[in-house]
Amino acid sequence: MKITFPPVILLASIVLQIILLFSFPISVDLSSLLGLILIFSGISLVFVSFRFMRKMKTTFIPDGTPEVLISSGPFKFSRNPIYLGMLAILVGVAFLMSSLSAIIIAFVFGIIINFTWIAHEEKKLHELFSEDWENYSSKVRRWI
């Protein structure tokens, strides 16, 4: 048996975690840490997306008329990086609050945005950039 056999590595890792917990306990509220990471990631994604849209000289107003179809930068990985960033912020706040009800609100926000604004914007993009939109939307997922 090789030492790199994954279950053996898993077991050894768990044993090391337990030893460290009792030998050198370092307590951190992981939900708060994850919340802060999500909030800062979400803010960064929104900020970078806005800057990219400004660089490409197109509107960032949700009901505005875009001049170009952006398929690079953060839009290469998500068709809606701004809404994805907003959702990450809400989930991060829920983790900071340690609140299941706040997580539910975050996902309700995602559902509402998905079926109202995103549907509206994608219809507009299809009308304006028909073939380019078809190619782009077939390659890039709506959220992630």
Protein backbone atom coordinates (compact mmCIF):
# COMPACT_ATOMS: atom_id res chain seq x y z
CA MET A 1 0.00 0.00 0.00
CA LYS A 2 1.29 3.41 -0.96
CA ILE A 3 1.39 6.23 1.57
CA THR A 4 -0.40 8.39 -1.02
CA PHE A 5 -3.52 6.24 -0.81
CA PRO A 6 -6.23 8.95 -0.31
CA PRO A 7 -8.16 7.30 2.55
CA VAL A 8 -4.91 6.89 4.53
CA ILE A 9 -4.04 10.53 3.93
CA LEU A 10 -7.57 11.52 5.03
CA LEU A 11 -7.31 9.49 8.23
CA ALA A 12 -3.85 10.87 9.03
CA SER A 13 -5.15 14.40 8.43
CA ILE A 14 -8.07 13.89 10.81
CA VAL A 15 -5.72 12.52 13.48
CA LEU A 16 -3.44 15.56 13.02
CA GLN A 17 -6.43 17.90 13.30
CA ILE A 18 -7.44 16.30 16.60
CA ILE A 19 -3.87 16.42 17.95
CA LEU A 20 -3.54 20.10 17.00
CA LEU A 21 -6.94 20.93 18.48
CA PHE A 22 -5.83 19.69 21.89
CA SER A 23 -2.17 20.73 21.64
CA PHE A 24 -2.38 24.19 20.08
CA PRO A 25 -6.02 25.25 19.95
CA ILE A 26 -6.55 28.30 17.78
CA SER A 27 -10.19 29.24 17.85
CA VAL A 28 -11.64 31.12 14.93
CA ASP A 29 -15.26 31.66 14.08
CA LEU A 30 -15.13 30.08 10.65
CA SER A 31 -18.59 31.31 9.67
CA SER A 32 -17.48 34.91 10.26
CA LEU A 33 -14.27 34.32 8.33
CA LEU A 34 -16.19 32.78 5.43
CA GLY A 35 -18.70 35.64 5.61
CA LEU A 36 -15.96 38.26 5.34
CA ILE A 37 -14.32 36.41 2.44
CA LEU A 38 -17.65 36.24 0.58
CA ILE A 39 -18.44 39.90 1.23
CA PHE A 40 -15.05 41.14 0.05
CA SER A 41 -15.11 38.77 -2.94
CA GLY A 42 -18.60 39.96 -3.88
CA ILE A 43 -17.67 43.62 -3.57
CA SER A 44 -14.53 43.03 -5.65
CA LEU A 45 -16.47 41.18 -8.35
CA VAL A 46 -19.06 43.97 -8.59
CA PHE A 47 -16.35 46.64 -8.67
CA VAL A 48 -14.26 44.84 -11.34
CA SER A 49 -17.37 44.20 -13.45
CA PHE A 50 -18.43 47.85 -13.33
CA ARG A 51 -14.93 48.98 -14.26
CA PHE A 52 -14.86 46.51 -17.14
CA MET A 53 -18.22 47.73 -18.43
CA ARG A 54 -17.00 51.32 -18.26
CA LYS A 55 -13.81 50.34 -20.08
CA MET A 56 -15.89 48.69 -22.82
CA LYS A 57 -18.02 51.87 -23.01
CA THR A 58 -21.36 50.21 -22.38
CA THR A 59 -24.10 50.91 -19.87
CA PHE A 60 -24.17 49.37 -16.43
CA ILE A 61 -27.70 50.60 -15.74
CA PRO A 62 -29.91 47.48 -15.46
CA ASP A 63 -32.59 48.81 -17.80
CA GLY A 64 -30.18 50.66 -20.09
CA THR A 65 -29.39 49.72 -23.67
CA PRO A 66 -25.95 48.13 -24.01
CA GLU A 67 -23.73 49.26 -26.86
CA VAL A 68 -21.59 46.10 -26.94
CA LEU A 69 -21.87 42.50 -25.82
CA ILE A 70 -19.10 41.89 -23.30
CA SER A 71 -17.71 38.37 -23.28
CA SER A 72 -14.33 38.87 -21.63
CA GLY A 73 -13.06 39.83 -18.20
CA PRO A 74 -15.42 38.67 -15.45
CA PHE A 75 -18.08 38.13 -18.13
CA LYS A 76 -15.97 35.27 -19.49
CA PHE A 77 -16.92 33.17 -16.43
CA SER A 78 -20.42 34.44 -15.63
CA ARG A 79 -23.02 36.21 -17.76
CA ASN A 80 -24.06 38.11 -14.63
CA PRO A 81 -20.99 38.78 -12.47
CA ILE A 82 -22.57 41.85 -10.86
CA TYR A 83 -25.60 39.91 -9.65
CA LEU A 84 -23.30 37.05 -8.63
CA GLY A 85 -21.28 39.53 -6.57
CA MET A 86 -24.44 40.89 -4.97
CA LEU A 87 -25.53 37.35 -4.08
CA ALA A 88 -22.09 36.64 -2.59
CA ILE A 89 -22.42 39.77 -0.44
CA LEU A 90 -25.82 38.65 0.86
CA VAL A 91 -24.59 35.12 1.60
CA GLY A 92 -21.53 36.59 3.32
CA VAL A 93 -23.72 38.80 5.52
CA ALA A 94 -25.83 35.74 6.39
CA PHE A 95 -22.68 33.87 7.46
CA LEU A 96 -21.61 36.86 9.58
CA MET A 97 -25.05 36.85 11.18
CA SER A 98 -24.96 33.03 11.58
CA SER A 99 -28.54 33.13 10.40
CA LEU A 100 -30.38 30.52 8.38
CA SER A 101 -33.19 32.99 7.69
CA ALA A 102 -30.65 35.43 6.22
CA ILE A 103 -29.37 32.66 3.90
CA ILE A 104 -32.96 32.07 2.80
CA ILE A 105 -33.33 35.78 1.99
CA ALA A 106 -30.11 35.62 -0.06
CA PHE A 107 -31.43 32.74 -2.13
CA VAL A 108 -34.82 34.42 -2.55
CA PHE A 109 -32.90 37.45 -3.87
CA GLY A 110 -31.13 35.14 -6.35
CA ILE A 111 -34.39 33.62 -7.52
CA ILE A 112 -36.07 37.01 -7.92
CA ILE A 113 -33.11 38.46 -9.84
CA ASN A 114 -32.86 35.32 -11.97
CA PHE A 115 -36.47 35.33 -13.12
CA THR A 116 -37.01 39.10 -13.37
CA TRP A 117 -33.97 41.22 -14.19
CA ILE A 118 -31.74 38.56 -15.73
CA ALA A 119 -34.57 37.23 -17.91
CA HIS A 120 -35.39 40.80 -18.98
CA GLU A 121 -31.76 41.68 -19.72
CA GLU A 122 -31.08 38.46 -21.61
CA LYS A 123 -34.14 39.00 -23.80
CA LYS A 124 -32.85 42.48 -24.62
CA LEU A 125 -29.34 41.15 -25.33
CA HIS A 126 -30.80 38.48 -27.63
CA GLU A 127 -32.73 41.13 -29.56
CA LEU A 128 -29.68 43.39 -29.91
CA PHE A 129 -26.90 40.84 -30.51
CA SER A 130 -28.80 37.78 -31.78
CA GLU A 131 -26.09 35.46 -33.17
CA ASP A 132 -23.31 36.78 -30.92
CA TRP A 133 -25.61 36.38 -27.92
CA GLU A 134 -26.46 32.80 -28.91
CA ASN A 135 -22.76 31.92 -29.15
CA TYR A 136 -21.90 33.64 -25.87
CA SER A 137 -24.82 32.26 -23.88
CA SER A 138 -24.11 28.73 -25.08
CA LYS A 139 -20.54 28.95 -23.73
CA VAL A 140 -20.94 30.94 -20.51
CA ARG A 141 -23.28 29.99 -17.68
CA ARG A 142 -25.85 32.41 -16.31
CA TRP A 143 -24.39 32.48 -12.79
CA ILE A 144 -21.20 30.38 -12.52
